[in-house]
Amino acid sequence: MLQKERHDHILAKLNLESSIRVRDIALEYNVTEDCIRKDLAILEKEGKLKRIHGGAVSIRENPHTFNVSARLDKYVEEKKCIARKAIELIKPGAMIFLGISTSNIELAKLIYQRNLNITVVTNSVDILLIFSAECDTNLIFIGGGFNKTKDGFVGAITNEILKDYQFDISFIGVVGIDLKHNQLTTYDVNDGMTKRLVISRSKKCYVVVEGAKFEQDGNFVCARLEDFNGIITDKELNNKQKEYLDKKGLEII
């Protein structure tokens, strides 16, 4: 096994298990413990893990970028890639929900550009503005309690409006995905409760995430992996991630 392959496997294992032991990894990959120690030193220098006595632990970041506006210019190409994949799942005449998400903003732009004959339901002001010009896409905007950091509406009033809808497909953004603990997180409790309700009212539901979010956490658990039909991301996942998601029954796009 080449060094790059070992590094990818080590990081994948950490992503699932949070910690590893040098002895176990050396046996698994049939190399010396000194070889694995050198691998861990390189990965620590790159900021991808933290070495401890006898092994290493994962580094999960909480970026604390609460405001949607602060995330708009980050991972732009990755979000566009996600949007191109997501739009292929939308059938003519469908009613879809686009939750508060910078990836969903890119998806909304594509829907508008293609002038799709569908109904878009959203609680995001940014998405509302995209469809303010004339187009064939029907827009339903969900109000309620305004969350300035989210630039959208969440909470009890929003949920009361949403509870009678049934969506053909919904696209949900999250702050982070923790495979080891099977949890998807966001920052705001009200936002998280609105996401839960939308998931429960959707025939199909996909989480839209950049690859970086597999190493990030929010502050409130809003869903479990099995709540979704699939995951739409911008990069090829490693084998261990694929195996885990496959066990949970998720389609990987």
C-alpha atoms as a PDB file:
ATOM      1  CA  MET A   1       0.000   0.000   0.000  1.00  0.00           C
ATOM      2  CA  LEU A   2       1.345   3.415  -0.977  1.00  0.00           C
ATOM      3  CA  GLN A   3       1.801   6.129   1.647  1.00  0.00           C
ATOM      4  CA  LYS A   4      -1.037   8.250   0.201  1.00  0.00           C
ATOM      5  CA  GLU A   5      -3.390   5.251   0.358  1.00  0.00           C
ATOM      6  CA  ARG A   6      -2.424   4.598   3.996  1.00  0.00           C
ATOM      7  CA  HIS A   7      -3.076   8.233   4.853  1.00  0.00           C
ATOM      8  CA  ASP A   8      -6.515   8.122   3.244  1.00  0.00           C
ATOM      9  CA  HIS A   9      -7.362   4.897   5.088  1.00  0.00           C
ATOM     10  CA  ILE A  10      -6.115   6.292   8.404  1.00  0.00           C
ATOM     11  CA  LEU A  11      -8.229   9.439   8.044  1.00  0.00           C
ATOM     12  CA  ALA A  12     -11.258   7.395   6.975  1.00  0.00           C
ATOM     13  CA  LYS A  13     -10.890   5.157  10.024  1.00  0.00           C
ATOM     14  CA  LEU A  14     -10.582   8.207  12.282  1.00  0.00           C
ATOM     15  CA  ASN A  15     -13.682   9.711  10.717  1.00  0.00           C
ATOM     16  CA  LEU A  16     -15.665   6.635  11.724  1.00  0.00           C
ATOM     17  CA  GLU A  17     -14.015   5.727  15.026  1.00  0.00           C
ATOM     18  CA  SER A  18     -12.565   9.028  16.363  1.00  0.00           C
ATOM     19  CA  SER A  19      -9.361   7.322  17.556  1.00  0.00           C
ATOM     20  CA  ILE A  20      -6.821   4.745  16.379  1.00  0.00           C
ATOM     21  CA  ARG A  21      -3.909   2.809  17.875  1.00  0.00           C
ATOM     22  CA  VAL A  22      -0.528   2.558  16.174  1.00  0.00           C
ATOM     23  CA  ARG A  23      -0.277  -1.169  16.914  1.00  0.00           C
ATOM     24  CA  ASP A  24      -3.660  -1.973  15.368  1.00  0.00           C
ATOM     25  CA  ILE A  25      -3.034   0.064  12.222  1.00  0.00           C
ATOM     26  CA  ALA A  26       0.436  -1.433  11.730  1.00  0.00           C
ATOM     27  CA  LEU A  27      -1.029  -4.948  11.907  1.00  0.00           C
ATOM     28  CA  GLU A  28      -3.918  -4.076   9.601  1.00  0.00           C
ATOM     29  CA  TYR A  29      -1.650  -2.596   6.918  1.00  0.00           C
ATOM     30  CA  ASN A  30       1.212  -5.058   7.479  1.00  0.00           C
ATOM     31  CA  VAL A  31       3.819  -2.349   8.106  1.00  0.00           C
ATOM     32  CA  THR A  32       6.008  -1.455  11.062  1.00  0.00           C
ATOM     33  CA  GLU A  33       4.756   0.633  13.962  1.00  0.00           C
ATOM     34  CA  ASP A  34       7.517   3.135  13.200  1.00  0.00           C
ATOM     35  CA  CYS A  35       6.081   3.522   9.686  1.00  0.00           C
ATOM     36  CA  ILE A  36       2.651   4.353  11.117  1.00  0.00           C
ATOM     37  CA  ARG A  37       4.157   6.812  13.616  1.00  0.00           C
ATOM     38  CA  LYS A  38       5.766   8.655  10.714  1.00  0.00           C
ATOM     39  CA  ASP A  39       2.418   8.665   8.881  1.00  0.00           C
ATOM     40  CA  LEU A  40       0.704  10.149  11.935  1.00  0.00           C
ATOM     41  CA  ALA A  41       3.416  12.792  12.283  1.00  0.00           C
ATOM     42  CA  ILE A  42       2.880  13.881   8.675  1.00  0.00           C
ATOM     43  CA  LEU A  43      -0.901  13.983   9.061  1.00  0.00           C
ATOM     44  CA  GLU A  44      -0.636  15.930  12.317  1.00  0.00           C
ATOM     45  CA  LYS A  45       1.626  18.483  10.630  1.00  0.00           C
ATOM     46  CA  GLU A  46      -1.060  18.868   7.942  1.00  0.00           C
ATOM     47  CA  GLY A  47      -3.618  19.523  10.690  1.00  0.00           C
ATOM     48  CA  LYS A  48      -5.655  16.400   9.940  1.00  0.00           C
ATOM     49  CA  LEU A  49      -5.342  14.627  13.310  1.00  0.00           C
ATOM     50  CA  LYS A  50      -3.819  14.907  16.775  1.00  0.00           C
ATOM     51  CA  ARG A  51      -1.267  12.400  17.990  1.00  0.00           C
ATOM     52  CA  ILE A  52      -1.646  10.918  21.460  1.00  0.00           C
ATOM     53  CA  HIS A  53       0.365   8.266  23.298  1.00  0.00           C
ATOM     54  CA  GLY A  54       0.092   5.063  21.282  1.00  0.00           C
ATOM     55  CA  GLY A  55      -2.102   6.461  18.536  1.00  0.00           C
ATOM     56  CA  ALA A  56      -4.106   9.450  17.320  1.00  0.00           C
ATOM     57  CA  VAL A  57      -7.508  11.091  17.592  1.00  0.00           C
ATOM     58  CA  SER A  58      -9.562  12.941  15.008  1.00  0.00           C
ATOM     59  CA  ILE A  59      -9.920  16.694  14.858  1.00  0.00           C
ATOM     60  CA  ARG A  60     -13.519  17.764  14.403  1.00  0.00           C
ATOM     61  CA  GLU A  61     -13.938  21.494  13.885  1.00  0.00           C
ATOM     62  CA  ASN A  62     -16.824  23.726  14.825  1.00  0.00           C
ATOM     63  CA  PRO A  63     -16.250  26.695  12.494  1.00  0.00           C
ATOM     64  CA  HIS A  64     -18.892  28.820  14.295  1.00  0.00           C
ATOM     65  CA  THR A  65     -19.935  30.527  11.075  1.00  0.00           C
ATOM     66  CA  PHE A  66     -23.465  31.162  12.286  1.00  0.00           C
ATOM     67  CA  ASN A  67     -24.406  33.703   9.624  1.00  0.00           C
ATOM     68  CA  VAL A  68     -25.431  32.403   6.199  1.00  0.00           C
ATOM     69  CA  SER A  69     -23.828  35.506   4.654  1.00  0.00           C
ATOM     70  CA  ALA A  70     -20.437  34.446   6.037  1.00  0.00           C
ATOM     71  CA  ARG A  71     -20.675  31.108   4.216  1.00  0.00           C
ATOM     72  CA  LEU A  72     -21.789  32.353   0.809  1.00  0.00           C
ATOM     73  CA  ASP A  73     -18.287  32.736  -0.628  1.00  0.00           C
ATOM     74  CA  LYS A  74     -16.863  29.499   0.824  1.00  0.00           C
ATOM     75  CA  TYR A  75     -16.604  26.262  -1.208  1.00  0.00           C
ATOM     76  CA  VAL A  76     -18.468  27.910  -4.095  1.00  0.00           C
ATOM     77  CA  GLU A  77     -17.347  25.442  -6.780  1.00  0.00           C
ATOM     78  CA  GLU A  78     -18.167  22.512  -4.502  1.00  0.00           C
ATOM     79  CA  LYS A  79     -21.686  23.868  -3.958  1.00  0.00           C
ATOM     80  CA  LYS A  80     -22.182  24.333  -7.693  1.00  0.00           C
ATOM     81  CA  CYS A  81     -21.130  20.703  -8.195  1.00  0.00           C
ATOM     82  CA  ILE A  82     -23.690  19.593  -5.598  1.00  0.00           C
ATOM     83  CA  ALA A  83     -26.389  21.697  -7.280  1.00  0.00           C
ATOM     84  CA  ARG A  84     -25.707  20.117 -10.691  1.00  0.00           C
ATOM     85  CA  LYS A  85     -26.172  16.671  -9.179  1.00  0.00           C
ATOM     86  CA  ALA A  86     -29.261  17.606  -7.165  1.00  0.00           C
ATOM     87  CA  ILE A  87     -31.180  19.151 -10.052  1.00  0.00           C
ATOM     88  CA  GLU A  88     -31.103  15.841 -11.957  1.00  0.00           C
ATOM     89  CA  LEU A  89     -33.295  14.333  -9.217  1.00  0.00           C
ATOM     90  CA  ILE A  90     -36.120  16.816  -9.750  1.00  0.00           C
ATOM     91  CA  LYS A  91     -38.977  15.634 -11.965  1.00  0.00           C
ATOM     92  CA  PRO A  92     -41.307  17.946 -13.948  1.00  0.00           C
ATOM     93  CA  GLY A  93     -44.289  19.111 -11.926  1.00  0.00           C
ATOM     94  CA  ALA A  94     -42.710  18.158  -8.586  1.00  0.00           C
ATOM     95  CA  MET A  95     -43.177  20.082  -5.359  1.00  0.00           C
ATOM     96  CA  ILE A  96     -39.807  20.419  -3.684  1.00  0.00           C
ATOM     97  CA  PHE A  97     -38.534  22.009  -0.492  1.00  0.00           C
ATOM     98  CA  LEU A  98     -35.275  23.949  -0.457  1.00  0.00           C
ATOM     99  CA  GLY A  99     -34.146  24.500   3.113  1.00  0.00           C
ATOM    100  CA  ILE A 100     -31.846  27.238   4.369  1.00  0.00           C
ATOM    101  CA  SER A 101     -28.511  26.251   2.863  1.00  0.00           C
ATOM    102  CA  THR A 102     -25.843  27.919   0.748  1.00  0.00           C
ATOM    103  CA  SER A 103     -25.750  24.788  -1.448  1.00  0.00           C
ATOM    104  CA  ASN A 104     -29.500  25.156  -1.974  1.00  0.00           C
ATOM    105  CA  ILE A 105     -28.957  28.750  -3.104  1.00  0.00           C
ATOM    106  CA  GLU A 106     -26.841  27.369  -5.966  1.00  0.00           C
ATOM    107  CA  LEU A 107     -29.528  24.773  -6.695  1.00  0.00           C
ATOM    108  CA  ALA A 108     -32.185  27.506  -6.785  1.00  0.00           C
ATOM    109  CA  LYS A 109     -30.084  29.456  -9.306  1.00  0.00           C
ATOM    110  CA  LEU A 110     -29.970  26.401 -11.582  1.00  0.00           C
ATOM    111  CA  ILE A 111     -33.710  25.818 -11.274  1.00  0.00           C
ATOM    112  CA  TYR A 112     -34.332  29.442 -12.230  1.00  0.00           C
ATOM    113  CA  GLN A 113     -31.873  29.333 -15.146  1.00  0.00           C
ATOM    114  CA  ARG A 114     -33.514  26.187 -16.530  1.00  0.00           C
ATOM    115  CA  ASN A 115     -36.970  27.671 -15.932  1.00  0.00           C
ATOM    116  CA  LEU A 116     -38.242  24.382 -14.490  1.00  0.00           C
ATOM    117  CA  ASN A 117     -41.989  23.895 -14.311  1.00  0.00           C
ATOM    118  CA  ILE A 118     -42.065  22.860 -10.661  1.00  0.00           C
ATOM    119  CA  THR A 119     -43.152  24.275  -7.301  1.00  0.00           C
ATOM    120  CA  VAL A 120     -40.402  25.379  -4.944  1.00  0.00           C
ATOM    121  CA  VAL A 121     -41.278  25.798  -1.263  1.00  0.00           C
ATOM    122  CA  THR A 122     -38.661  27.549   0.859  1.00  0.00           C
ATOM    123  CA  ASN A 123     -38.097  29.417   4.116  1.00  0.00           C
ATOM    124  CA  SER A 124     -34.916  31.084   2.799  1.00  0.00           C
ATOM    125  CA  VAL A 125     -34.971  34.782   1.882  1.00  0.00           C
ATOM    126  CA  ASP A 126     -31.980  34.326  -0.444  1.00  0.00           C
ATOM    127  CA  ILE A 127     -33.887  31.695  -2.432  1.00  0.00           C
ATOM    128  CA  LEU A 128     -37.036  33.848  -2.459  1.00  0.00           C
ATOM    129  CA  LEU A 129     -35.082  36.674  -4.135  1.00  0.00           C
ATOM    130  CA  ILE A 130     -33.787  34.362  -6.887  1.00  0.00           C
ATOM    131  CA  PHE A 131     -37.350  33.659  -8.031  1.00  0.00           C
ATOM    132  CA  SER A 132     -38.544  37.255  -7.764  1.00  0.00           C
ATOM    133  CA  ALA A 133     -38.143  37.718 -11.539  1.00  0.00           C
ATOM    134  CA  GLU A 134     -40.586  36.178 -14.035  1.00  0.00           C
ATOM    135  CA  CYS A 135     -40.183  32.425 -14.595  1.00  0.00           C
ATOM    136  CA  ASP A 136     -42.254  29.231 -14.920  1.00  0.00           C
ATOM    137  CA  THR A 137     -41.231  28.002 -11.480  1.00  0.00           C
ATOM    138  CA  ASN A 138     -43.964  28.463  -8.890  1.00  0.00           C
ATOM    139  CA  LEU A 139     -42.656  29.730  -5.544  1.00  0.00           C
ATOM    140  CA  ILE A 140     -44.279  29.304  -2.136  1.00  0.00           C
ATOM    141  CA  PHE A 141     -42.551  31.186   0.651  1.00  0.00           C
ATOM    142  CA  ILE A 142     -42.910  30.024   4.248  1.00  0.00           C
ATOM    143  CA  GLY A 143     -42.875  32.752   6.903  1.00  0.00           C
ATOM    144  CA  GLY A 144     -42.810  32.642  10.684  1.00  0.00           C
ATOM    145  CA  GLY A 145     -40.177  33.796  13.117  1.00  0.00           C
ATOM    146  CA  PHE A 146     -37.319  35.527  11.297  1.00  0.00           C
ATOM    147  CA  ASN A 147     -33.801  34.324  12.118  1.00  0.00           C
ATOM    148  CA  LYS A 148     -31.355  37.044  11.067  1.00  0.00           C
ATOM    149  CA  THR A 149     -28.286  34.776  11.101  1.00  0.00           C
ATOM    150  CA  LYS A 150     -30.038  32.234   8.888  1.00  0.00           C
ATOM    151  CA  ASP A 151     -31.619  34.902   6.674  1.00  0.00           C
ATOM    152  CA  GLY A 152     -34.780  32.841   6.798  1.00  0.00           C
ATOM    153  CA  PHE A 153     -37.771  31.750   8.857  1.00  0.00           C
ATOM    154  CA  VAL A 154     -37.757  28.923  11.403  1.00  0.00           C
ATOM    155  CA  GLY A 155     -39.498  27.911  14.607  1.00  0.00           C
ATOM    156  CA  ALA A 156     -43.018  27.250  15.849  1.00  0.00           C
ATOM    157  CA  ILE A 157     -44.985  29.440  13.415  1.00  0.00           C
ATOM    158  CA  THR A 158     -42.957  28.194  10.440  1.00  0.00           C
ATOM    159  CA  ASN A 159     -43.493  24.606  11.540  1.00  0.00           C
ATOM    160  CA  GLU A 160     -47.223  25.133  11.959  1.00  0.00           C
ATOM    161  CA  ILE A 161     -47.419  26.258   8.324  1.00  0.00           C
ATOM    162  CA  LEU A 162     -45.209  23.424   7.065  1.00  0.00           C
ATOM    163  CA  LYS A 163     -46.934  20.563   8.886  1.00  0.00           C
ATOM    164  CA  ASP A 164     -49.699  20.205   6.284  1.00  0.00           C
ATOM    165  CA  TYR A 165     -47.369  20.072   3.270  1.00  0.00           C
ATOM    166  CA  GLN A 166     -46.162  16.886   1.623  1.00  0.00           C
ATOM    167  CA  PHE A 167     -43.072  17.316  -0.524  1.00  0.00           C
ATOM    168  CA  ASP A 168     -42.052  15.061  -3.402  1.00  0.00           C
ATOM    169  CA  ILE A 169     -38.421  15.739  -2.577  1.00  0.00           C
ATOM    170  CA  SER A 170     -36.553  18.000  -0.174  1.00  0.00           C
ATOM    171  CA  PHE A 171     -32.958  19.145   0.043  1.00  0.00           C
ATOM    172  CA  ILE A 172     -31.561  19.837   3.487  1.00  0.00           C
ATOM    173  CA  GLY A 173     -28.267  21.509   4.376  1.00  0.00           C
ATOM    174  CA  VAL A 174     -26.423  20.889   7.643  1.00  0.00           C
ATOM    175  CA  VAL A 175     -23.363  22.246   9.441  1.00  0.00           C
ATOM    176  CA  GLY A 176     -21.687  18.874   9.943  1.00  0.00           C
ATOM    177  CA  ILE A 177     -21.918  15.088   9.654  1.00  0.00           C
ATOM    178  CA  ASP A 178     -20.489  12.773  12.305  1.00  0.00           C
ATOM    179  CA  LEU A 179     -20.493   9.206  10.971  1.00  0.00           C
ATOM    180  CA  LYS A 180     -19.237   7.651  14.208  1.00  0.00           C
ATOM    181  CA  HIS A 181     -22.146   8.993  16.238  1.00  0.00           C
ATOM    182  CA  ASN A 182     -24.638   8.885  13.320  1.00  0.00           C
ATOM    183  CA  GLN A 183     -25.661  12.505  13.671  1.00  0.00           C
ATOM    184  CA  LEU A 184     -26.126  15.569  11.500  1.00  0.00           C
ATOM    185  CA  THR A 185     -25.890  18.934  13.190  1.00  0.00           C
ATOM    186  CA  THR A 186     -26.879  22.554  12.806  1.00  0.00           C
ATOM    187  CA  TYR A 187     -26.323  25.616  14.999  1.00  0.00           C
ATOM    188  CA  ASP A 188     -29.823  26.750  15.908  1.00  0.00           C
ATOM    189  CA  VAL A 189     -32.414  24.679  17.777  1.00  0.00           C
ATOM    190  CA  ASN A 190     -35.366  26.207  15.931  1.00  0.00           C
ATOM    191  CA  ASP A 191     -33.650  25.634  12.586  1.00  0.00           C
ATOM    192  CA  GLY A 192     -33.031  22.030  13.619  1.00  0.00           C
ATOM    193  CA  MET A 193     -36.667  21.451  14.570  1.00  0.00           C
ATOM    194  CA  THR A 194     -37.832  22.915  11.261  1.00  0.00           C
ATOM    195  CA  LYS A 195     -35.464  20.581   9.397  1.00  0.00           C
ATOM    196  CA  ARG A 196     -36.859  17.593  11.333  1.00  0.00           C
ATOM    197  CA  LEU A 197     -40.406  18.509  10.382  1.00  0.00           C
ATOM    198  CA  VAL A 198     -39.554  18.937   6.691  1.00  0.00           C
ATOM    199  CA  ILE A 199     -37.828  15.539   6.667  1.00  0.00           C
ATOM    200  CA  SER A 200     -40.947  13.927   8.132  1.00  0.00           C
ATOM    201  CA  ARG A 201     -43.141  15.582   5.463  1.00  0.00           C
ATOM    202  CA  SER A 202     -41.017  14.501   2.472  1.00  0.00           C
ATOM    203  CA  LYS A 203     -41.447  11.437   0.271  1.00  0.00           C
ATOM    204  CA  LYS A 204     -37.733  11.655  -0.490  1.00  0.00           C
ATOM    205  CA  CYS A 205     -35.127  13.674   1.339  1.00  0.00           C
ATOM    206  CA  TYR A 206     -31.474  14.348   0.511  1.00  0.00           C
ATOM    207  CA  VAL A 207     -28.798  16.018   2.588  1.00  0.00           C
ATOM    208  CA  VAL A 208     -26.571  18.393   0.594  1.00  0.00           C
ATOM    209  CA  VAL A 209     -23.034  18.781   1.965  1.00  0.00           C
ATOM    210  CA  GLU A 210     -19.536  19.700   0.899  1.00  0.00           C
ATOM    211  CA  GLY A 211     -16.870  17.126   1.745  1.00  0.00           C
ATOM    212  CA  ALA A 212     -15.415  19.382   4.447  1.00  0.00           C
ATOM    213  CA  LYS A 213     -18.534  18.920   6.572  1.00  0.00           C
ATOM    214  CA  PHE A 214     -17.581  15.327   7.347  1.00  0.00           C
ATOM    215  CA  GLU A 215     -15.017  16.854   9.742  1.00  0.00           C
ATOM    216  CA  GLN A 216     -17.254  19.579  11.177  1.00  0.00           C
ATOM    217  CA  ASP A 217     -19.843  19.813  13.938  1.00  0.00           C
ATOM    218  CA  GLY A 218     -22.651  22.153  14.854  1.00  0.00           C
ATOM    219  CA  ASN A 219     -24.286  22.515  18.273  1.00  0.00           C
ATOM    220  CA  PHE A 220     -27.658  20.809  17.792  1.00  0.00           C
ATOM    221  CA  VAL A 221     -28.375  17.337  16.419  1.00  0.00           C
ATOM    222  CA  CYS A 222     -31.130  17.779  13.855  1.00  0.00           C
ATOM    223  CA  ALA A 223     -31.222  14.365  12.152  1.00  0.00           C
ATOM    224  CA  ARG A 224     -29.802  10.857  11.805  1.00  0.00           C
ATOM    225  CA  LEU A 225     -28.445   9.365   8.607  1.00  0.00           C
ATOM    226  CA  GLU A 226     -31.356   6.938   8.251  1.00  0.00           C
ATOM    227  CA  ASP A 227     -33.726   9.928   8.072  1.00  0.00           C
ATOM    228  CA  PHE A 228     -32.490  10.559   4.517  1.00  0.00           C
ATOM    229  CA  ASN A 229     -32.762   8.725   1.209  1.00  0.00           C
ATOM    230  CA  GLY A 230     -29.346   9.878   0.130  1.00  0.00           C
ATOM    231  CA  ILE A 231     -26.436  12.250   0.397  1.00  0.00           C
ATOM    232  CA  ILE A 232     -25.299  14.638  -2.326  1.00  0.00           C
ATOM    233  CA  THR A 233     -21.699  15.774  -2.021  1.00  0.00           C
ATOM    234  CA  ASP A 234     -18.965  17.225  -4.169  1.00  0.00           C
ATOM    235  CA  LYS A 235     -16.219  14.644  -3.804  1.00  0.00           C
ATOM    236  CA  GLU A 236     -15.634  10.914  -3.997  1.00  0.00           C
ATOM    237  CA  LEU A 237     -16.004   9.365  -0.554  1.00  0.00           C
ATOM    238  CA  ASN A 238     -13.502   6.810   0.686  1.00  0.00           C
ATOM    239  CA  ASN A 239     -14.396   3.124   0.945  1.00  0.00           C
ATOM    240  CA  LYS A 240     -15.064   3.137   4.678  1.00  0.00           C
ATOM    241  CA  GLN A 241     -17.420   6.082   4.376  1.00  0.00           C
ATOM    242  CA  LYS A 242     -19.201   4.397   1.480  1.00  0.00           C
ATOM    243  CA  GLU A 243     -19.551   1.133   3.398  1.00  0.00           C
ATOM    244  CA  TYR A 244     -20.973   2.919   6.423  1.00  0.00           C
ATOM    245  CA  LEU A 245     -23.468   4.962   4.422  1.00  0.00           C
ATOM    246  CA  ASP A 246     -24.467   1.891   2.436  1.00  0.00           C
ATOM    247  CA  LYS A 247     -25.274   0.068   5.689  1.00  0.00           C
ATOM    248  CA  LYS A 248     -27.531   2.961   6.587  1.00  0.00           C
ATOM    249  CA  GLY A 249     -29.292   2.581   3.233  1.00  0.00           C
ATOM    250  CA  LEU A 250     -28.248   5.943   1.792  1.00  0.00           C
ATOM    251  CA  GLU A 251     -27.736   6.598  -1.895  1.00  0.00           C
ATOM    252  CA  ILE A 252     -24.450   8.419  -2.496  1.00  0.00           C
ATOM    253  CA  ILE A 253     -24.544  10.983  -5.293  1.00  0.00           C
END
